[in-house]
Amino acid sequence: MTITGYPSYNFKIHQMYTDKKQVLSDDGMFLDYQVDTLEGSSGSTVYDASNRVVGVHTLGDGSNQINSAVKLNERNLPFIYSVLKGYSLEGWKKINGSWYHYRQHDKQTGWQEINDTWYYLDSSGKMLTDWQKVNGKWYYLNSNGAMVTGSQTIDGKVYNFASSGEWI
């Protein structure tokens, strides 16, 4: 991996450096490596051997020997956004035109009850609308993504839905 930052062993104002090192560990969330950077280098880009961005340099272990990067992957994006923007991802967020729901930085999927209303979020966490077949049963999610129940008129036709939302 390659990282760019300010070296703590040879600091010069306005002079950054690039260093290539081996990854010491990879737990799926963090990459640990031995690159000696100064505090304030957080946010630097971490690249793999093919020069693809794989992480964001975040912290060290306090010894100036081991530093870490948060890996760029779907699981870690909420955490990265919260670190870089200084806020917590909670609740509904509109990202690239689609709605997602987060609880404690985690993107929710599947059926979710939020404020006494049921929503269905696909495997990527995107809120779905319209007719959806879930586990062999049909449901209708209105334009706000809320699951409907009871008697509903949809496109001029009356449909009945169980209290579970299933079309009957």
C-alpha atoms as a PDB file:
ATOM      1  CA  MET A   1       0.000   0.000   0.000  1.00  0.00           C
ATOM      2  CA  THR A   2       1.037   3.593  -0.573  1.00  0.00           C
ATOM      3  CA  ILE A   3       0.225   6.606   1.587  1.00  0.00           C
ATOM      4  CA  THR A   4       1.037  10.294   1.295  1.00  0.00           C
ATOM      5  CA  GLY A   5       1.543  12.406   4.421  1.00  0.00           C
ATOM      6  CA  TYR A   6       3.931  14.453   6.525  1.00  0.00           C
ATOM      7  CA  PRO A   7       6.763  12.304   7.937  1.00  0.00           C
ATOM      8  CA  SER A   8       7.299  12.762  11.668  1.00  0.00           C
ATOM      9  CA  TYR A   9      10.965  11.721  11.492  1.00  0.00           C
ATOM     10  CA  ASN A  10      11.936  14.388   8.922  1.00  0.00           C
ATOM     11  CA  PHE A  11       9.246  17.079   9.009  1.00  0.00           C
ATOM     12  CA  LYS A  12       9.645  20.032   6.667  1.00  0.00           C
ATOM     13  CA  ILE A  13       6.964  22.675   6.248  1.00  0.00           C
ATOM     14  CA  HIS A  14       4.979  22.272   3.014  1.00  0.00           C
ATOM     15  CA  GLN A  15       6.789  19.060   2.070  1.00  0.00           C
ATOM     16  CA  MET A  16       4.788  15.875   1.905  1.00  0.00           C
ATOM     17  CA  TYR A  17       6.127  12.458   1.096  1.00  0.00           C
ATOM     18  CA  THR A  18       4.865   9.188  -0.294  1.00  0.00           C
ATOM     19  CA  ASP A  19       5.785   5.891   1.304  1.00  0.00           C
ATOM     20  CA  LYS A  20       5.123   2.298   0.250  1.00  0.00           C
ATOM     21  CA  LYS A  21       4.754  -0.369   2.917  1.00  0.00           C
ATOM     22  CA  GLN A  22       3.209  -3.782   3.439  1.00  0.00           C
ATOM     23  CA  VAL A  23      -0.145  -4.111   5.169  1.00  0.00           C
ATOM     24  CA  LEU A  24       0.420  -5.703   8.591  1.00  0.00           C
ATOM     25  CA  SER A  25      -3.206  -6.669   9.161  1.00  0.00           C
ATOM     26  CA  ASP A  26      -6.603  -6.356   7.497  1.00  0.00           C
ATOM     27  CA  ASP A  27      -9.685  -7.079   9.629  1.00  0.00           C
ATOM     28  CA  GLY A  28     -12.205  -6.005   6.991  1.00  0.00           C
ATOM     29  CA  MET A  29     -12.718  -2.587   8.556  1.00  0.00           C
ATOM     30  CA  PHE A  30      -9.171  -1.318   9.127  1.00  0.00           C
ATOM     31  CA  LEU A  31      -5.815  -1.755   7.409  1.00  0.00           C
ATOM     32  CA  ASP A  32      -2.837  -1.542   9.769  1.00  0.00           C
ATOM     33  CA  TYR A  33       0.604  -0.617   8.429  1.00  0.00           C
ATOM     34  CA  GLN A  34       3.898   0.820   9.599  1.00  0.00           C
ATOM     35  CA  VAL A  35       4.223   4.343   8.204  1.00  0.00           C
ATOM     36  CA  ASP A  36       5.424   7.115  10.485  1.00  0.00           C
ATOM     37  CA  THR A  37       3.199  10.160   9.869  1.00  0.00           C
ATOM     38  CA  LEU A  38       2.444  13.247  11.925  1.00  0.00           C
ATOM     39  CA  GLU A  39      -0.919  13.896  13.515  1.00  0.00           C
ATOM     40  CA  GLY A  40      -3.046  15.797  11.030  1.00  0.00           C
ATOM     41  CA  SER A  41      -2.308  13.449   8.150  1.00  0.00           C
ATOM     42  CA  SER A  42      -5.720  11.850   8.676  1.00  0.00           C
ATOM     43  CA  GLY A  43      -7.794  11.908   5.544  1.00  0.00           C
ATOM     44  CA  SER A  44      -4.857  11.066   3.294  1.00  0.00           C
ATOM     45  CA  THR A  45      -5.624   8.572   0.573  1.00  0.00           C
ATOM     46  CA  VAL A  46      -4.303   5.008   0.830  1.00  0.00           C
ATOM     47  CA  TYR A  47      -3.644   3.148  -2.441  1.00  0.00           C
ATOM     48  CA  ASP A  48      -3.025  -0.508  -3.224  1.00  0.00           C
ATOM     49  CA  ALA A  49      -0.269  -1.829  -5.511  1.00  0.00           C
ATOM     50  CA  SER A  50      -2.477  -1.151  -8.558  1.00  0.00           C
ATOM     51  CA  ASN A  51      -2.915   2.501  -7.486  1.00  0.00           C
ATOM     52  CA  ARG A  52      -6.570   1.980  -6.589  1.00  0.00           C
ATOM     53  CA  VAL A  53      -7.884   3.919  -3.593  1.00  0.00           C
ATOM     54  CA  VAL A  54      -8.503   1.344  -0.848  1.00  0.00           C
ATOM     55  CA  GLY A  55      -8.722   3.423   2.319  1.00  0.00           C
ATOM     56  CA  VAL A  56      -8.602   6.693   4.194  1.00  0.00           C
ATOM     57  CA  HIS A  57      -5.670   7.212   6.592  1.00  0.00           C
ATOM     58  CA  THR A  58      -7.227   7.768  10.012  1.00  0.00           C
ATOM     59  CA  LEU A  59      -5.127   7.158  13.082  1.00  0.00           C
ATOM     60  CA  GLY A  60      -2.186   5.553  14.794  1.00  0.00           C
ATOM     61  CA  ASP A  61      -1.720   3.438  17.863  1.00  0.00           C
ATOM     62  CA  GLY A  62      -0.001   6.271  19.759  1.00  0.00           C
ATOM     63  CA  SER A  63       3.491   4.807  19.346  1.00  0.00           C
ATOM     64  CA  ASN A  64       4.219   6.456  15.958  1.00  0.00           C
ATOM     65  CA  GLN A  65       4.895   2.931  14.706  1.00  0.00           C
ATOM     66  CA  ILE A  66       1.546   1.558  13.573  1.00  0.00           C
ATOM     67  CA  ASN A  67      -1.033   3.575  11.631  1.00  0.00           C
ATOM     68  CA  SER A  68      -4.425   2.586  10.294  1.00  0.00           C
ATOM     69  CA  ALA A  69      -6.757   3.314   7.433  1.00  0.00           C
ATOM     70  CA  VAL A  70     -10.472   2.716   7.233  1.00  0.00           C
ATOM     71  CA  LYS A  71     -11.028   0.451   4.226  1.00  0.00           C
ATOM     72  CA  LEU A  72     -13.231   1.845   1.484  1.00  0.00           C
ATOM     73  CA  ASN A  73     -16.057  -0.634   1.143  1.00  0.00           C
ATOM     74  CA  GLU A  74     -19.846  -0.572   1.349  1.00  0.00           C
ATOM     75  CA  ARG A  75     -19.817  -1.549   5.021  1.00  0.00           C
ATOM     76  CA  ASN A  76     -17.511   1.307   6.039  1.00  0.00           C
ATOM     77  CA  LEU A  77     -18.893   4.201   3.978  1.00  0.00           C
ATOM     78  CA  PRO A  78     -21.238   5.439   6.730  1.00  0.00           C
ATOM     79  CA  PHE A  79     -18.346   5.437   9.210  1.00  0.00           C
ATOM     80  CA  ILE A  80     -16.051   7.249   6.746  1.00  0.00           C
ATOM     81  CA  TYR A  81     -18.704   9.880   6.024  1.00  0.00           C
ATOM     82  CA  SER A  82     -19.204  10.480   9.751  1.00  0.00           C
ATOM     83  CA  VAL A  83     -15.452  10.829  10.387  1.00  0.00           C
ATOM     84  CA  LEU A  84     -14.844  13.152   7.457  1.00  0.00           C
ATOM     85  CA  LYS A  85     -17.953  15.273   7.941  1.00  0.00           C
ATOM     86  CA  GLY A  86     -17.956  15.221  11.740  1.00  0.00           C
ATOM     87  CA  TYR A  87     -21.465  13.892  12.208  1.00  0.00           C
ATOM     88  CA  SER A  88     -23.211  10.638  12.867  1.00  0.00           C
ATOM     89  CA  LEU A  89     -25.221   8.844  10.211  1.00  0.00           C
ATOM     90  CA  GLU A  90     -28.605   8.178  11.795  1.00  0.00           C
ATOM     91  CA  GLY A  91     -32.020   8.033  10.215  1.00  0.00           C
ATOM     92  CA  TRP A  92     -32.931   8.663   6.582  1.00  0.00           C
ATOM     93  CA  LYS A  93     -30.248   9.900   4.157  1.00  0.00           C
ATOM     94  CA  LYS A  94     -30.705  10.653   0.453  1.00  0.00           C
ATOM     95  CA  ILE A  95     -27.633   9.513  -1.481  1.00  0.00           C
ATOM     96  CA  ASN A  96     -27.444   9.834  -5.267  1.00  0.00           C
ATOM     97  CA  GLY A  97     -31.227  10.237  -5.505  1.00  0.00           C
ATOM     98  CA  SER A  98     -32.129   7.173  -3.408  1.00  0.00           C
ATOM     99  CA  TRP A  99     -33.172   6.942   0.228  1.00  0.00           C
ATOM    100  CA  TYR A 100     -31.296   4.821   2.800  1.00  0.00           C
ATOM    101  CA  HIS A 101     -31.881   4.345   6.516  1.00  0.00           C
ATOM    102  CA  TYR A 102     -29.059   4.131   9.081  1.00  0.00           C
ATOM    103  CA  ARG A 103     -29.008   2.960  12.682  1.00  0.00           C
ATOM    104  CA  GLN A 104     -25.800   3.526  14.652  1.00  0.00           C
ATOM    105  CA  HIS A 105     -23.831   4.096  11.394  1.00  0.00           C
ATOM    106  CA  ASP A 106     -25.163   0.846   9.859  1.00  0.00           C
ATOM    107  CA  LYS A 107     -27.186   0.867   6.650  1.00  0.00           C
ATOM    108  CA  GLN A 108     -30.395  -1.088   7.185  1.00  0.00           C
ATOM    109  CA  THR A 109     -31.752  -3.733   4.786  1.00  0.00           C
ATOM    110  CA  GLY A 110     -34.891  -5.865   4.544  1.00  0.00           C
ATOM    111  CA  TRP A 111     -38.088  -5.029   6.400  1.00  0.00           C
ATOM    112  CA  GLN A 112     -37.632  -2.151   8.831  1.00  0.00           C
ATOM    113  CA  GLU A 113     -40.205  -0.621  11.176  1.00  0.00           C
ATOM    114  CA  ILE A 114     -39.383   3.074  11.473  1.00  0.00           C
ATOM    115  CA  ASN A 115     -41.636   5.380  13.494  1.00  0.00           C
ATOM    116  CA  ASP A 116     -44.497   2.825  13.415  1.00  0.00           C
ATOM    117  CA  THR A 117     -44.287   2.472   9.605  1.00  0.00           C
ATOM    118  CA  TRP A 118     -42.876  -0.510   7.701  1.00  0.00           C
ATOM    119  CA  TYR A 119     -40.430  -0.028   4.802  1.00  0.00           C
ATOM    120  CA  TYR A 120     -38.575  -2.493   2.622  1.00  0.00           C
ATOM    121  CA  LEU A 121     -34.904  -1.757   1.890  1.00  0.00           C
ATOM    122  CA  ASP A 122     -33.129  -3.885  -0.726  1.00  0.00           C
ATOM    123  CA  SER A 123     -29.804  -5.657  -0.173  1.00  0.00           C
ATOM    124  CA  SER A 124     -27.901  -2.417  -0.886  1.00  0.00           C
ATOM    125  CA  GLY A 125     -30.096  -0.567   1.640  1.00  0.00           C
ATOM    126  CA  LYS A 126     -32.063   1.393  -0.974  1.00  0.00           C
ATOM    127  CA  MET A 127     -35.682   2.133  -0.015  1.00  0.00           C
ATOM    128  CA  LEU A 128     -38.093   0.545  -2.500  1.00  0.00           C
ATOM    129  CA  THR A 129     -41.498   1.752  -3.697  1.00  0.00           C
ATOM    130  CA  ASP A 130     -44.306   0.338  -5.860  1.00  0.00           C
ATOM    131  CA  TRP A 131     -45.118  -3.385  -6.118  1.00  0.00           C
ATOM    132  CA  GLN A 132     -42.492  -5.670  -4.589  1.00  0.00           C
ATOM    133  CA  LYS A 133     -42.390  -9.453  -4.366  1.00  0.00           C
ATOM    134  CA  VAL A 134     -40.678 -10.450  -1.121  1.00  0.00           C
ATOM    135  CA  ASN A 135     -40.317 -14.126  -0.184  1.00  0.00           C
ATOM    136  CA  GLY A 136     -42.996 -15.093  -2.701  1.00  0.00           C
ATOM    137  CA  LYS A 137     -45.591 -12.567  -1.449  1.00  0.00           C
ATOM    138  CA  TRP A 138     -46.647  -9.276  -3.064  1.00  0.00           C
ATOM    139  CA  TYR A 139     -46.591  -5.978  -1.178  1.00  0.00           C
ATOM    140  CA  TYR A 140     -47.269  -2.411  -2.232  1.00  0.00           C
ATOM    141  CA  LEU A 141     -44.986   0.346  -0.966  1.00  0.00           C
ATOM    142  CA  ASN A 142     -46.361   3.832  -1.575  1.00  0.00           C
ATOM    143  CA  SER A 143     -44.377   6.721  -3.098  1.00  0.00           C
ATOM    144  CA  ASN A 144     -42.897   7.446   0.364  1.00  0.00           C
ATOM    145  CA  GLY A 145     -41.807   3.804   0.656  1.00  0.00           C
ATOM    146  CA  ALA A 146     -44.366   2.981   3.353  1.00  0.00           C
ATOM    147  CA  MET A 147     -45.991  -0.463   3.237  1.00  0.00           C
ATOM    148  CA  VAL A 148     -49.764  -0.187   2.801  1.00  0.00           C
ATOM    149  CA  THR A 149     -52.453  -2.224   4.587  1.00  0.00           C
ATOM    150  CA  GLY A 150     -56.225  -2.507   4.305  1.00  0.00           C
ATOM    151  CA  SER A 151     -58.177  -1.501   1.202  1.00  0.00           C
ATOM    152  CA  GLN A 152     -56.148   0.650  -1.211  1.00  0.00           C
ATOM    153  CA  THR A 153     -56.888   2.151  -4.632  1.00  0.00           C
ATOM    154  CA  ILE A 154     -53.800   1.838  -6.813  1.00  0.00           C
ATOM    155  CA  ASP A 155     -53.885   3.097 -10.393  1.00  0.00           C
ATOM    156  CA  GLY A 156     -57.698   3.155 -10.255  1.00  0.00           C
ATOM    157  CA  LYS A 157     -58.083  -0.424  -9.021  1.00  0.00           C
ATOM    158  CA  VAL A 158     -58.978  -1.514  -5.467  1.00  0.00           C
ATOM    159  CA  TYR A 159     -56.630  -3.979  -3.748  1.00  0.00           C
ATOM    160  CA  ASN A 160     -56.831  -5.492  -0.270  1.00  0.00           C
ATOM    161  CA  PHE A 161     -53.797  -5.995   1.951  1.00  0.00           C
ATOM    162  CA  ALA A 162     -53.487  -7.890   5.232  1.00  0.00           C
ATOM    163  CA  SER A 163     -52.244  -6.130   8.372  1.00  0.00           C
ATOM    164  CA  SER A 164     -48.860  -7.715   7.520  1.00  0.00           C
ATOM    165  CA  GLY A 165     -48.930  -5.807   4.193  1.00  0.00           C
ATOM    166  CA  GLU A 166     -49.327  -8.921   2.087  1.00  0.00           C
ATOM    167  CA  TRP A 167     -51.707  -8.581  -0.907  1.00  0.00           C
ATOM    168  CA  ILE A 168     -54.749 -10.823  -0.343  1.00  0.00           C
END
